Amino acid sequence: MTLSFFDQFMSPTYLGIPLIALALSLPWILYPKPTPRWLNNRLITLQGWFINRFTQQIFQPLSLGGHKWATLLASLMLFLLTLNMLGLLPYTFTPTTQLSLNMAFAVPLWLATVIIGMRNQPTHALGHLLPEGTPTLLIPVLIIIETISLFIRPLALGVRLTANLTAGHLLIQLIATAAFVLLPLMPTVAILTTVLLFLLTLLEVAVAMIQAY
C-alpha cells in the first residue's frame, strides 16, 4: 500500500478506538505532581520555576483583574506546548495538527472573552466595532467588517496553528526522505541535507513554543 505524506496527520486507531484521547491525556501523565514537603526535588523545583516565569510573562501587560485567568491560560499553554513538542518525536501523532481540536480550544475561549467583555464593559466592547472619527457614510460598512473580523478570529487562530505545525512536519518529512534517498547516490549532498534537516528541526521546536504562546 502506498502511503501519502499526509497520512501522518490521520488520527490513529487501534481496534476501531481513536487514540487521540490517549495522546491528549499523555502530557498530564508526564509532569510530576508537587508534593506537600517543604523541600522538593530538582525536577519539581525547575518545573515550578518555569511555570512561574512564563505565567509572569503572559500576565505582565494585564491588569490585576485579568490575573484570575492565570491558572486556565497557563495550563492551556503548558498543554499545547507539550503536545507540540511530543509531536516532533519520531512515530508520534500530533493532535494539534487537527483543525477540529484547535477549534474546540479556540471557540469556547473566544466566546468566553466576548461574553465577559459584553457583560463587564459593554461600551468598551462595542466601541471596537466602530473606530473613532469614522466618516458617517462608512459607519455601516465598518460595523459589518469589524463584526465579521470578530467572528472569524477563532477560525483564523485555529487555522494558523494547524497550518504552521502541518507545514513544519511536512517539510521535516520531505527533507528527511530526500536525505535518505540521496545518501547512496550523493553522500556529500545527503550530509548537507541532513544539516538542513537539523536546523529545520530546531526551527520547528521554536515554532512549537511560539504557537503555544
N, C-alpha and C. Protein backbone atom coordinates (compact mmCIF):
# COMPACT_ATOMS: atom_id res chain seq x y z
N MET A 1 0.85 -1.20 0.00
CA MET A 1 0.00 0.00 0.00
C MET A 1 0.88 1.24 0.00
N THR A 2 0.62 2.18 -0.89
CA THR A 2 1.40 3.40 -0.99
C THR A 2 0.90 4.39 0.06
N LEU A 3 1.84 4.90 0.86
CA LEU A 3 1.49 5.86 1.90
C LEU A 3 1.72 7.27 1.40
N SER A 4 0.85 8.16 1.77
CA SER A 4 0.98 9.56 1.42
C SER A 4 1.69 10.30 2.55
N PHE A 5 2.28 11.46 2.20
CA PHE A 5 2.92 12.28 3.22
C PHE A 5 1.91 12.79 4.24
N PHE A 6 0.64 12.87 3.83
CA PHE A 6 -0.38 13.40 4.72
C PHE A 6 -0.97 12.32 5.64
N ASP A 7 -0.55 11.08 5.47
CA ASP A 7 -1.07 10.02 6.34
C ASP A 7 -0.63 10.19 7.79
N GLN A 8 0.47 10.94 8.01
CA GLN A 8 0.93 11.14 9.38
C GLN A 8 -0.02 12.01 10.18
N PHE A 9 -0.91 12.74 9.49
CA PHE A 9 -1.85 13.62 10.18
C PHE A 9 -3.20 12.95 10.43
N MET A 10 -3.36 11.70 10.02
CA MET A 10 -4.60 10.98 10.29
C MET A 10 -4.61 10.52 11.74
N SER A 11 -5.78 10.62 12.38
CA SER A 11 -5.89 10.19 13.77
C SER A 11 -5.75 8.67 13.84
N PRO A 12 -4.76 8.17 14.58
CA PRO A 12 -4.55 6.71 14.63
C PRO A 12 -5.66 6.02 15.42
N THR A 13 -5.94 4.80 15.03
CA THR A 13 -6.95 4.00 15.71
C THR A 13 -6.37 2.62 16.03
N TYR A 14 -6.89 2.02 17.08
CA TYR A 14 -6.49 0.67 17.46
C TYR A 14 -7.75 -0.10 17.83
N LEU A 15 -8.04 -1.14 17.07
CA LEU A 15 -9.27 -1.92 17.24
C LEU A 15 -10.51 -1.03 17.13
N GLY A 16 -10.43 -0.08 16.22
CA GLY A 16 -11.54 0.84 16.00
C GLY A 16 -11.67 1.94 17.02
N ILE A 17 -10.75 2.02 17.98
CA ILE A 17 -10.80 3.05 19.02
C ILE A 17 -9.82 4.16 18.66
N PRO A 18 -10.27 5.42 18.54
CA PRO A 18 -9.34 6.51 18.23
C PRO A 18 -8.38 6.75 19.40
N LEU A 19 -7.09 6.84 19.07
CA LEU A 19 -6.06 7.01 20.09
C LEU A 19 -5.75 8.47 20.39
N ILE A 20 -6.54 9.38 19.82
CA ILE A 20 -6.29 10.79 20.10
C ILE A 20 -6.54 11.12 21.57
N ALA A 21 -7.48 10.38 22.20
CA ALA A 21 -7.73 10.60 23.63
C ALA A 21 -6.50 10.24 24.46
N LEU A 22 -5.81 9.17 24.07
CA LEU A 22 -4.58 8.79 24.76
C LEU A 22 -3.50 9.85 24.57
N ALA A 23 -3.42 10.38 23.35
CA ALA A 23 -2.42 11.42 23.07
C ALA A 23 -2.71 12.69 23.85
N LEU A 24 -3.99 13.00 24.06
CA LEU A 24 -4.35 14.20 24.81
C LEU A 24 -4.12 14.04 26.31
N SER A 25 -4.21 12.82 26.81
CA SER A 25 -4.00 12.60 28.24
C SER A 25 -2.53 12.41 28.61
N LEU A 26 -1.68 12.16 27.61
CA LEU A 26 -0.27 11.88 27.89
C LEU A 26 0.45 13.05 28.55
N PRO A 27 0.25 14.33 28.13
CA PRO A 27 1.00 15.41 28.79
C PRO A 27 0.78 15.49 30.28
N TRP A 28 -0.42 15.22 30.76
CA TRP A 28 -0.69 15.34 32.19
C TRP A 28 -0.02 14.21 32.97
N ILE A 29 0.30 13.10 32.31
CA ILE A 29 0.98 12.00 32.99
C ILE A 29 2.47 12.29 33.13
N LEU A 30 3.02 13.05 32.20
CA LEU A 30 4.47 13.27 32.18
C LEU A 30 4.94 14.20 33.29
N TYR A 31 4.09 15.16 33.68
CA TYR A 31 4.54 16.16 34.66
C TYR A 31 4.38 15.62 36.08
N PRO A 32 5.42 15.71 36.89
CA PRO A 32 5.30 15.25 38.28
C PRO A 32 4.42 16.19 39.09
N LYS A 33 3.68 15.63 40.03
CA LYS A 33 2.80 16.43 40.88
C LYS A 33 3.60 17.02 42.04
N PRO A 34 3.31 18.27 42.41
CA PRO A 34 4.00 18.86 43.56
C PRO A 34 3.69 18.09 44.85
N THR A 35 4.65 18.03 45.71
CA THR A 35 4.49 17.32 46.98
C THR A 35 4.26 18.33 48.10
N PRO A 36 3.62 17.90 49.20
CA PRO A 36 3.40 18.83 50.33
C PRO A 36 4.66 19.08 51.16
N ARG A 37 5.78 18.51 50.78
CA ARG A 37 7.00 18.72 51.54
C ARG A 37 7.54 20.14 51.36
N TRP A 38 8.30 20.59 52.33
CA TRP A 38 8.92 21.91 52.22
C TRP A 38 10.02 21.93 51.17
N LEU A 39 10.77 20.85 51.07
CA LEU A 39 11.86 20.76 50.10
C LEU A 39 11.48 19.74 49.02
N ASN A 40 11.41 20.22 47.77
CA ASN A 40 11.11 19.34 46.65
C ASN A 40 12.40 18.92 45.95
N ASN A 41 12.28 17.96 45.05
CA ASN A 41 13.46 17.58 44.28
C ASN A 41 13.74 18.61 43.19
N ARG A 42 14.83 18.42 42.47
CA ARG A 42 15.26 19.42 41.48
C ARG A 42 14.28 19.52 40.33
N LEU A 43 13.69 18.40 39.92
CA LEU A 43 12.77 18.42 38.79
C LEU A 43 11.52 19.24 39.10
N ILE A 44 10.93 19.02 40.26
CA ILE A 44 9.72 19.77 40.63
C ILE A 44 10.05 21.25 40.83
N THR A 45 11.23 21.54 41.41
CA THR A 45 11.64 22.93 41.59
C THR A 45 11.82 23.63 40.25
N LEU A 46 12.47 22.96 39.29
CA LEU A 46 12.65 23.52 37.95
C LEU A 46 11.31 23.69 37.24
N GLN A 47 10.42 22.73 37.40
CA GLN A 47 9.10 22.83 36.79
C GLN A 47 8.32 24.02 37.35
N GLY A 48 8.34 24.18 38.67
CA GLY A 48 7.64 25.32 39.28
C GLY A 48 8.23 26.65 38.85
N TRP A 49 9.57 26.72 38.76
CA TRP A 49 10.21 27.97 38.32
C TRP A 49 9.81 28.30 36.89
N PHE A 50 9.78 27.29 36.02
CA PHE A 50 9.43 27.51 34.61
C PHE A 50 7.99 27.99 34.48
N ILE A 51 7.07 27.35 35.19
CA ILE A 51 5.66 27.74 35.11
C ILE A 51 5.47 29.16 35.65
N ASN A 52 6.12 29.48 36.75
CA ASN A 52 6.00 30.84 37.30
C ASN A 52 6.54 31.88 36.34
N ARG A 53 7.66 31.58 35.67
CA ARG A 53 8.26 32.55 34.77
C ARG A 53 7.37 32.84 33.56
N PHE A 54 6.86 31.80 32.89
CA PHE A 54 6.07 32.12 31.71
C PHE A 54 4.68 32.61 32.09
N THR A 55 4.19 32.30 33.30
CA THR A 55 2.93 32.91 33.75
C THR A 55 3.12 34.40 33.98
N GLN A 56 4.25 34.79 34.57
CA GLN A 56 4.54 36.21 34.73
C GLN A 56 4.67 36.89 33.37
N GLN A 57 5.29 36.21 32.42
CA GLN A 57 5.47 36.79 31.09
C GLN A 57 4.13 37.02 30.39
N ILE A 58 3.18 36.11 30.57
CA ILE A 58 1.88 36.24 29.92
C ILE A 58 1.08 37.37 30.53
N PHE A 59 1.06 37.46 31.86
CA PHE A 59 0.14 38.37 32.55
C PHE A 59 0.79 39.68 32.98
N GLN A 60 2.03 39.92 32.59
CA GLN A 60 2.67 41.18 32.94
C GLN A 60 1.96 42.39 32.33
N PRO A 61 1.50 42.34 31.05
CA PRO A 61 0.83 43.53 30.50
C PRO A 61 -0.60 43.71 30.98
N LEU A 62 -1.19 42.74 31.68
CA LEU A 62 -2.60 42.78 32.05
C LEU A 62 -2.78 43.40 33.43
N SER A 63 -3.98 43.91 33.65
CA SER A 63 -4.32 44.45 34.96
C SER A 63 -4.56 43.32 35.95
N LEU A 64 -4.73 43.69 37.21
CA LEU A 64 -4.93 42.67 38.25
C LEU A 64 -6.22 41.89 38.04
N GLY A 65 -7.22 42.51 37.41
CA GLY A 65 -8.48 41.81 37.17
C GLY A 65 -8.33 40.65 36.22
N GLY A 66 -7.33 40.72 35.31
CA GLY A 66 -7.13 39.64 34.36
C GLY A 66 -6.31 38.49 34.90
N HIS A 67 -5.75 38.65 36.12
CA HIS A 67 -4.90 37.60 36.67
C HIS A 67 -5.71 36.39 37.15
N LYS A 68 -7.03 36.54 37.22
CA LYS A 68 -7.87 35.38 37.62
C LYS A 68 -7.83 34.27 36.56
N TRP A 69 -7.40 34.62 35.33
CA TRP A 69 -7.31 33.64 34.25
C TRP A 69 -5.96 32.94 34.21
N ALA A 70 -5.12 33.20 35.20
CA ALA A 70 -3.75 32.68 35.14
C ALA A 70 -3.72 31.16 35.11
N THR A 71 -4.52 30.52 35.95
CA THR A 71 -4.49 29.06 36.01
C THR A 71 -4.94 28.43 34.70
N LEU A 72 -6.03 28.96 34.14
CA LEU A 72 -6.57 28.41 32.90
C LEU A 72 -5.60 28.58 31.73
N LEU A 73 -5.10 29.81 31.54
CA LEU A 73 -4.28 30.07 30.37
C LEU A 73 -2.89 29.45 30.50
N ALA A 74 -2.34 29.45 31.72
CA ALA A 74 -1.03 28.81 31.91
C ALA A 74 -1.13 27.30 31.68
N SER A 75 -2.21 26.69 32.16
CA SER A 75 -2.40 25.26 31.93
C SER A 75 -2.59 24.96 30.45
N LEU A 76 -3.35 25.81 29.76
CA LEU A 76 -3.57 25.59 28.33
C LEU A 76 -2.27 25.74 27.54
N MET A 77 -1.46 26.75 27.90
CA MET A 77 -0.19 26.94 27.20
C MET A 77 0.75 25.76 27.45
N LEU A 78 0.81 25.30 28.69
CA LEU A 78 1.67 24.16 29.00
C LEU A 78 1.19 22.90 28.28
N PHE A 79 -0.12 22.75 28.18
CA PHE A 79 -0.71 21.59 27.49
C PHE A 79 -0.36 21.61 26.00
N LEU A 80 -0.58 22.76 25.35
CA LEU A 80 -0.28 22.88 23.93
C LEU A 80 1.21 22.75 23.66
N LEU A 81 2.02 23.34 24.53
CA LEU A 81 3.47 23.25 24.35
C LEU A 81 3.94 21.80 24.41
N THR A 82 3.40 21.04 25.36
CA THR A 82 3.79 19.64 25.49
C THR A 82 3.32 18.83 24.29
N LEU A 83 2.09 19.07 23.83
CA LEU A 83 1.60 18.35 22.65
C LEU A 83 2.46 18.64 21.42
N ASN A 84 2.81 19.92 21.23
CA ASN A 84 3.61 20.29 20.07
C ASN A 84 5.00 19.68 20.13
N MET A 85 5.61 19.68 21.32
CA MET A 85 6.95 19.14 21.45
C MET A 85 6.96 17.61 21.29
N LEU A 86 5.96 16.94 21.86
CA LEU A 86 5.88 15.49 21.71
C LEU A 86 5.64 15.09 20.25
N GLY A 87 4.95 15.95 19.50
CA GLY A 87 4.69 15.65 18.10
C GLY A 87 5.92 15.69 17.23
N LEU A 88 7.03 16.27 17.72
CA LEU A 88 8.26 16.31 16.95
C LEU A 88 9.06 15.01 17.08
N LEU A 89 8.68 14.14 18.00
CA LEU A 89 9.37 12.86 18.16
C LEU A 89 8.98 11.92 17.02
N PRO A 90 9.86 11.01 16.63
CA PRO A 90 9.52 10.07 15.55
C PRO A 90 8.38 9.13 15.95
N TYR A 91 7.57 8.78 14.97
CA TYR A 91 6.47 7.81 15.13
C TYR A 91 5.46 8.27 16.19
N THR A 92 5.23 9.55 16.25
CA THR A 92 4.23 10.09 17.18
C THR A 92 3.16 10.82 16.38
N PHE A 93 2.04 11.03 17.03
CA PHE A 93 0.91 11.73 16.42
C PHE A 93 0.73 13.06 17.13
N THR A 94 0.57 14.14 16.35
CA THR A 94 0.41 15.48 16.92
C THR A 94 -1.06 15.87 16.87
N PRO A 95 -1.77 15.87 17.99
CA PRO A 95 -3.20 16.23 17.95
C PRO A 95 -3.46 17.67 17.50
N THR A 96 -2.49 18.58 17.73
CA THR A 96 -2.71 19.98 17.36
C THR A 96 -2.61 20.22 15.86
N THR A 97 -2.31 19.20 15.06
CA THR A 97 -2.41 19.34 13.61
C THR A 97 -3.84 19.12 13.11
N GLN A 98 -4.76 18.78 14.02
CA GLN A 98 -6.16 18.58 13.67
C GLN A 98 -6.93 19.89 13.88
N LEU A 99 -7.54 20.40 12.83
CA LEU A 99 -8.27 21.66 12.94
C LEU A 99 -9.44 21.55 13.92
N SER A 100 -10.07 20.39 13.99
CA SER A 100 -11.20 20.22 14.90
C SER A 100 -10.78 20.42 16.35
N LEU A 101 -9.61 19.90 16.72
CA LEU A 101 -9.14 20.07 18.10
C LEU A 101 -8.81 21.52 18.39
N ASN A 102 -8.13 22.19 17.46
CA ASN A 102 -7.78 23.59 17.68
C ASN A 102 -9.02 24.47 17.76
N MET A 103 -10.03 24.17 16.95
CA MET A 103 -11.26 24.93 17.03
C MET A 103 -12.00 24.65 18.33
N ALA A 104 -11.89 23.42 18.83
CA ALA A 104 -12.53 23.10 20.11
C ALA A 104 -11.91 23.89 21.25
N PHE A 105 -10.63 24.22 21.14
CA PHE A 105 -9.99 25.08 22.13
C PHE A 105 -10.31 26.56 21.89
N ALA A 106 -10.30 26.97 20.61
CA ALA A 106 -10.38 28.39 20.29
C ALA A 106 -11.78 28.96 20.51
N VAL A 107 -12.81 28.24 20.04
CA VAL A 107 -14.17 28.80 20.07
C VAL A 107 -14.68 29.05 21.49
N PRO A 108 -14.59 28.10 22.43
CA PRO A 108 -15.10 28.40 23.78
C PRO A 108 -14.36 29.54 24.47
N LEU A 109 -13.02 29.60 24.31
CA LEU A 109 -12.27 30.69 24.94
C LEU A 109 -12.60 32.03 24.29
N TRP A 110 -12.72 32.04 22.98
CA TRP A 110 -13.10 33.29 22.29
C TRP A 110 -14.50 33.73 22.71
N LEU A 111 -15.43 32.79 22.78
CA LEU A 111 -16.80 33.12 23.18
C LEU A 111 -16.84 33.62 24.61
N ALA A 112 -16.01 33.04 25.48
CA ALA A 112 -15.97 33.49 26.87
C ALA A 112 -15.47 34.93 26.96
N THR A 113 -14.43 35.27 26.18
CA THR A 113 -13.92 36.64 26.23
C THR A 113 -14.94 37.64 25.70
N VAL A 114 -15.68 37.26 24.65
CA VAL A 114 -16.69 38.16 24.09
C VAL A 114 -17.84 38.37 25.08
N ILE A 115 -18.32 37.28 25.68
CA ILE A 115 -19.46 37.39 26.61
C ILE A 115 -19.06 38.17 27.86
N ILE A 116 -17.88 37.89 28.40
CA ILE A 116 -17.44 38.60 29.60
C ILE A 116 -17.19 40.07 29.30
N GLY A 117 -16.63 40.36 28.11
CA GLY A 117 -16.43 41.76 27.72
C GLY A 117 -17.74 42.50 27.57
N MET A 118 -18.74 41.85 26.96
CA MET A 118 -20.05 42.48 26.80
C MET A 118 -20.73 42.69 28.16
N ARG A 119 -20.50 41.78 29.12
CA ARG A 119 -21.15 41.89 30.42
C ARG A 119 -20.49 42.93 31.30
N ASN A 120 -19.16 42.95 31.33
CA ASN A 120 -18.46 43.84 32.25
C ASN A 120 -18.26 45.24 31.69
N GLN A 121 -17.90 45.32 30.40
CA GLN A 121 -17.65 46.63 29.78
C GLN A 121 -18.31 46.68 28.41
N PRO A 122 -19.63 46.79 28.38
CA PRO A 122 -20.33 46.74 27.08
C PRO A 122 -19.97 47.91 26.16
N THR A 123 -19.80 49.10 26.73
CA THR A 123 -19.46 50.26 25.90
C THR A 123 -18.10 50.09 25.25
N HIS A 124 -17.13 49.66 26.03
CA HIS A 124 -15.78 49.46 25.51
C HIS A 124 -15.75 48.32 24.49
N ALA A 125 -16.51 47.26 24.74
CA ALA A 125 -16.52 46.12 23.82
C ALA A 125 -17.18 46.48 22.49
N LEU A 126 -18.30 47.20 22.56
CA LEU A 126 -18.97 47.61 21.33
C LEU A 126 -18.21 48.72 20.61
N GLY A 127 -17.37 49.47 21.36
CA GLY A 127 -16.59 50.54 20.73
C GLY A 127 -15.57 50.03 19.75
N HIS A 128 -15.16 48.76 19.89
CA HIS A 128 -14.20 48.19 18.95
C HIS A 128 -14.81 47.98 17.57
N LEU A 129 -16.15 47.94 17.49
CA LEU A 129 -16.80 47.73 16.20
C LEU A 129 -16.80 48.99 15.34
N LEU A 130 -16.54 50.14 15.95
CA LEU A 130 -16.57 51.40 15.21
C LEU A 130 -15.42 52.28 15.69
N PRO A 131 -14.34 52.40 14.90
CA PRO A 131 -13.22 53.26 15.31
C PRO A 131 -13.65 54.72 15.40
N GLU A 132 -12.97 55.45 16.27
CA GLU A 132 -13.30 56.86 16.49
C GLU A 132 -12.92 57.68 15.26
N GLY A 133 -13.78 58.63 14.92
CA GLY A 133 -13.52 59.51 13.78
C GLY A 133 -13.89 58.92 12.44
N THR A 134 -14.72 57.89 12.42
CA THR A 134 -15.13 57.28 11.15
C THR A 134 -16.15 58.17 10.44
N PRO A 135 -15.98 58.39 9.12
CA PRO A 135 -16.98 59.17 8.38
C PRO A 135 -18.36 58.51 8.43
N THR A 136 -19.39 59.33 8.36
CA THR A 136 -20.76 58.83 8.52
C THR A 136 -21.13 57.81 7.46
N LEU A 137 -20.68 58.00 6.24
CA LEU A 137 -21.04 57.08 5.17
C LEU A 137 -20.40 55.70 5.36
N LEU A 138 -19.26 55.64 6.05
CA LEU A 138 -18.56 54.37 6.22
C LEU A 138 -18.98 53.61 7.47
N ILE A 139 -19.82 54.21 8.31
CA ILE A 139 -20.18 53.56 9.57
C ILE A 139 -20.84 52.19 9.36
N PRO A 140 -21.86 52.06 8.50
CA PRO A 140 -22.47 50.71 8.35
C PRO A 140 -21.48 49.68 7.81
N VAL A 141 -20.65 50.10 6.85
CA VAL A 141 -19.70 49.15 6.26
C VAL A 141 -18.68 48.71 7.29
N LEU A 142 -18.16 49.66 8.07
CA LEU A 142 -17.13 49.32 9.06
C LEU A 142 -17.69 48.43 10.17
N ILE A 143 -18.92 48.67 10.56
CA ILE A 143 -19.53 47.82 11.60
C ILE A 143 -19.64 46.38 11.09
N ILE A 144 -20.05 46.20 9.82
CA ILE A 144 -20.16 44.85 9.25
C ILE A 144 -18.78 44.19 9.16
N ILE A 145 -17.78 44.96 8.71
CA ILE A 145 -16.43 44.41 8.57
C ILE A 145 -15.86 44.01 9.93
N GLU A 146 -16.01 44.88 10.93
CA GLU A 146 -15.47 44.58 12.27
C GLU A 146 -16.21 43.41 12.91
N THR A 147 -17.51 43.29 12.64
CA THR A 147 -18.26 42.15 13.18
C THR A 147 -17.79 40.85 12.55
N ILE A 148 -17.57 40.86 11.22
CA ILE A 148 -17.07 39.66 10.55
C ILE A 148 -15.68 39.30 11.07
N SER A 149 -14.81 40.30 11.25
CA SER A 149 -13.46 40.01 11.75
C SER A 149 -13.51 39.47 13.17
N LEU A 150 -14.48 39.93 13.97
CA LEU A 150 -14.61 39.41 15.33
C LEU A 150 -15.02 37.94 15.32
N PHE A 151 -15.96 37.58 14.45
CA PHE A 151 -16.44 36.19 14.41
C PHE A 151 -15.45 35.25 13.73
N ILE A 152 -14.60 35.79 12.86
CA ILE A 152 -13.66 34.93 12.14
C ILE A 152 -12.37 34.74 12.92
N ARG A 153 -12.20 35.44 14.03
CA ARG A 153 -10.95 35.38 14.79
C ARG A 153 -10.61 33.97 15.30
N PRO A 154 -11.56 33.23 15.91
CA PRO A 154 -11.17 31.88 16.36
C PRO A 154 -10.81 30.96 15.20
N LEU A 155 -11.50 31.12 14.05
CA LEU A 155 -11.16 30.31 12.89
C LEU A 155 -9.75 30.63 12.40
N ALA A 156 -9.40 31.93 12.38
CA ALA A 156 -8.06 32.32 11.93
C ALA A 156 -6.98 31.78 12.86
N LEU A 157 -7.23 31.83 14.17
CA LEU A 157 -6.24 31.33 15.12
C LEU A 157 -6.09 29.81 15.00
N GLY A 158 -7.21 29.10 14.87
CA GLY A 158 -7.15 27.65 14.74
C GLY A 158 -6.46 27.22 13.46
N VAL A 159 -6.78 27.88 12.35
CA VAL A 159 -6.15 27.55 11.07
C VAL A 159 -4.66 27.87 11.11
N ARG A 160 -4.28 28.97 11.77
CA ARG A 160 -2.86 29.33 11.82
C ARG A 160 -2.06 28.28 12.58
N LEU A 161 -2.57 27.84 13.72
CA LEU A 161 -1.87 26.81 14.49
C LEU A 161 -1.78 25.51 13.69
N THR A 162 -2.88 25.11 13.06
CA THR A 162 -2.89 23.88 12.27
C THR A 162 -1.93 23.97 11.09
N ALA A 163 -1.98 25.09 10.36
CA ALA A 163 -1.16 25.23 9.15
C ALA A 163 0.33 25.28 9.48
N ASN A 164 0.70 25.99 10.54
CA ASN A 164 2.13 26.09 10.88
C ASN A 164 2.70 24.74 11.27
N LEU A 165 1.99 24.01 12.11
CA LEU A 165 2.50 22.70 12.54
C LEU A 165 2.49 21.70 11.39
N THR A 166 1.43 21.72 10.56
CA THR A 166 1.35 20.80 9.44
C THR A 166 2.47 21.07 8.43
N ALA A 167 2.71 22.35 8.11
CA ALA A 167 3.76 22.68 7.16
C ALA A 167 5.13 22.27 7.70
N GLY A 168 5.38 22.48 8.98
CA GLY A 168 6.65 22.09 9.56
C GLY A 168 6.89 20.59 9.52
N HIS A 169 5.86 19.82 9.85
CA HIS A 169 6.00 18.37 9.82
C HIS A 169 6.22 17.85 8.39
N LEU A 170 5.52 18.46 7.43
CA LEU A 170 5.70 18.05 6.04
C LEU A 170 7.12 18.36 5.55
N LEU A 171 7.64 19.54 5.90
CA LEU A 171 9.00 19.89 5.49
C LEU A 171 10.02 18.93 6.09
N ILE A 172 9.84 18.60 7.37
CA ILE A 172 10.77 17.66 8.01
C ILE A 172 10.73 16.31 7.31
N GLN A 173 9.54 15.82 7.00
CA GLN A 173 9.42 14.52 6.35
C GLN A 173 10.00 14.56 4.93
N LEU A 174 9.75 15.64 4.19
CA LEU A 174 10.27 15.73 2.83
C LEU A 174 11.80 15.78 2.82
N ILE A 175 12.39 16.59 3.70
CA ILE A 175 13.85 16.71 3.72
C ILE A 175 14.49 15.43 4.24
N ALA A 176 13.86 14.78 5.22
CA ALA A 176 14.40 13.50 5.71
C ALA A 176 14.34 12.43 4.62
N THR A 177 13.26 12.41 3.86
CA THR A 177 13.17 11.45 2.75
C THR A 177 14.22 11.73 1.69
N ALA A 178 14.44 13.03 1.40
CA ALA A 178 15.46 13.38 0.41
C ALA A 178 16.85 12.98 0.88
N ALA A 179 17.16 13.20 2.16
CA ALA A 179 18.47 12.81 2.69
C ALA A 179 18.66 11.29 2.62
N PHE A 180 17.62 10.55 2.93
CA PHE A 180 17.70 9.08 2.90
C PHE A 180 17.91 8.56 1.48
N VAL A 181 17.23 9.18 0.50
CA VAL A 181 17.35 8.73 -0.88
C VAL A 181 18.71 9.13 -1.47
N LEU A 182 19.22 10.32 -1.10
CA LEU A 182 20.48 10.81 -1.67
C LEU A 182 21.72 10.19 -1.04
N LEU A 183 21.57 9.52 0.11
CA LEU A 183 22.75 9.00 0.82
C LEU A 183 23.57 8.02 -0.02
N PRO A 184 23.00 7.01 -0.70
CA PRO A 184 23.85 6.13 -1.53
C PRO A 184 24.28 6.75 -2.85
N LEU A 185 23.56 7.77 -3.31
CA LEU A 185 23.87 8.36 -4.61
C LEU A 185 24.88 9.49 -4.50
N MET A 186 24.59 10.46 -3.63
CA MET A 186 25.45 11.63 -3.45
C MET A 186 25.63 11.87 -1.95
N PRO A 187 26.62 11.25 -1.33
CA PRO A 187 26.77 11.36 0.13
C PRO A 187 27.00 12.79 0.61
N THR A 188 27.73 13.60 -0.17
CA THR A 188 28.01 14.98 0.26
C THR A 188 26.71 15.78 0.32
N VAL A 189 25.90 15.65 -0.72
CA VAL A 189 24.61 16.36 -0.74
C VAL A 189 23.71 15.83 0.37
N ALA A 190 23.78 14.54 0.65
CA ALA A 190 22.96 13.97 1.72
C ALA A 190 23.36 14.52 3.08
N ILE A 191 24.68 14.71 3.28
CA ILE A 191 25.15 15.28 4.56
C ILE A 191 24.68 16.72 4.70
N LEU A 192 24.77 17.49 3.62
CA LEU A 192 24.28 18.87 3.66
C LEU A 192 22.77 18.91 3.92
N THR A 193 22.06 17.97 3.32
CA THR A 193 20.60 17.90 3.54
C THR A 193 20.31 17.54 4.99
N THR A 194 21.13 16.68 5.59
CA THR A 194 20.94 16.31 6.99
C THR A 194 21.18 17.50 7.91
N VAL A 195 22.19 18.31 7.58
CA VAL A 195 22.44 19.54 8.36
C VAL A 195 21.25 20.48 8.26
N LEU A 196 20.70 20.61 7.04
CA LEU A 196 19.50 21.43 6.86
C LEU A 196 18.33 20.87 7.66
N LEU A 197 18.22 19.55 7.71
CA LEU A 197 17.16 18.91 8.50
C LEU A 197 17.31 19.21 9.99
N PHE A 198 18.54 19.20 10.47
CA PHE A 198 18.79 19.51 11.88
C PHE A 198 18.40 20.96 12.19
N LEU A 199 18.78 21.88 11.31
CA LEU A 199 18.42 23.29 11.52
C LEU A 199 16.91 23.50 11.46
N LEU A 200 16.24 22.78 10.53
CA LEU A 200 14.79 22.88 10.44
C LEU A 200 14.12 22.31 11.67
N THR A 201 14.69 21.27 12.25
CA THR A 201 14.13 20.70 13.48
C THR A 201 14.23 21.70 14.64
N LEU A 202 15.36 22.41 14.72
CA LEU A 202 15.48 23.46 15.74
C LEU A 202 14.44 24.56 15.52
N LEU A 203 14.22 24.90 14.25
CA LEU A 203 13.20 25.91 13.94
C LEU A 203 11.82 25.42 14.34
N GLU A 204 11.54 24.15 14.12
CA GLU A 204 10.23 23.60 14.48
C GLU A 204 10.03 23.57 16.00
N VAL A 205 11.10 23.35 16.74
CA VAL A 205 11.00 23.43 18.20
C VAL A 205 10.60 24.84 18.61
N ALA A 206 11.23 25.84 17.99
CA ALA A 206 10.85 27.23 18.28
C ALA A 206 9.41 27.53 17.87
N VAL A 207 8.99 27.00 16.71
CA VAL A 207 7.61 27.20 16.25
C VAL A 207 6.62 26.56 17.21
N ALA A 208 6.96 25.36 17.71
CA ALA A 208 6.08 24.69 18.66
C ALA A 208 5.88 25.51 19.92
N MET A 209 6.95 26.16 20.39
CA MET A 209 6.83 27.02 21.58
C MET A 209 6.06 28.28 21.28
N ILE A 210 6.35 28.92 20.14
CA ILE A 210 5.70 30.18 19.79
C ILE A 210 4.21 29.98 19.55
N GLN A 211 3.84 28.90 18.89
CA GLN A 211 2.42 28.65 18.62
C GLN A 211 1.64 28.39 19.90
N ALA A 212 2.27 27.69 20.85
CA ALA A 212 1.60 27.51 22.14
C ALA A 212 1.43 28.84 22.86
N TYR A 213 2.42 29.71 22.75
CA TYR A 213 2.34 31.02 23.40
C TYR A 213 1.25 31.88 22.75
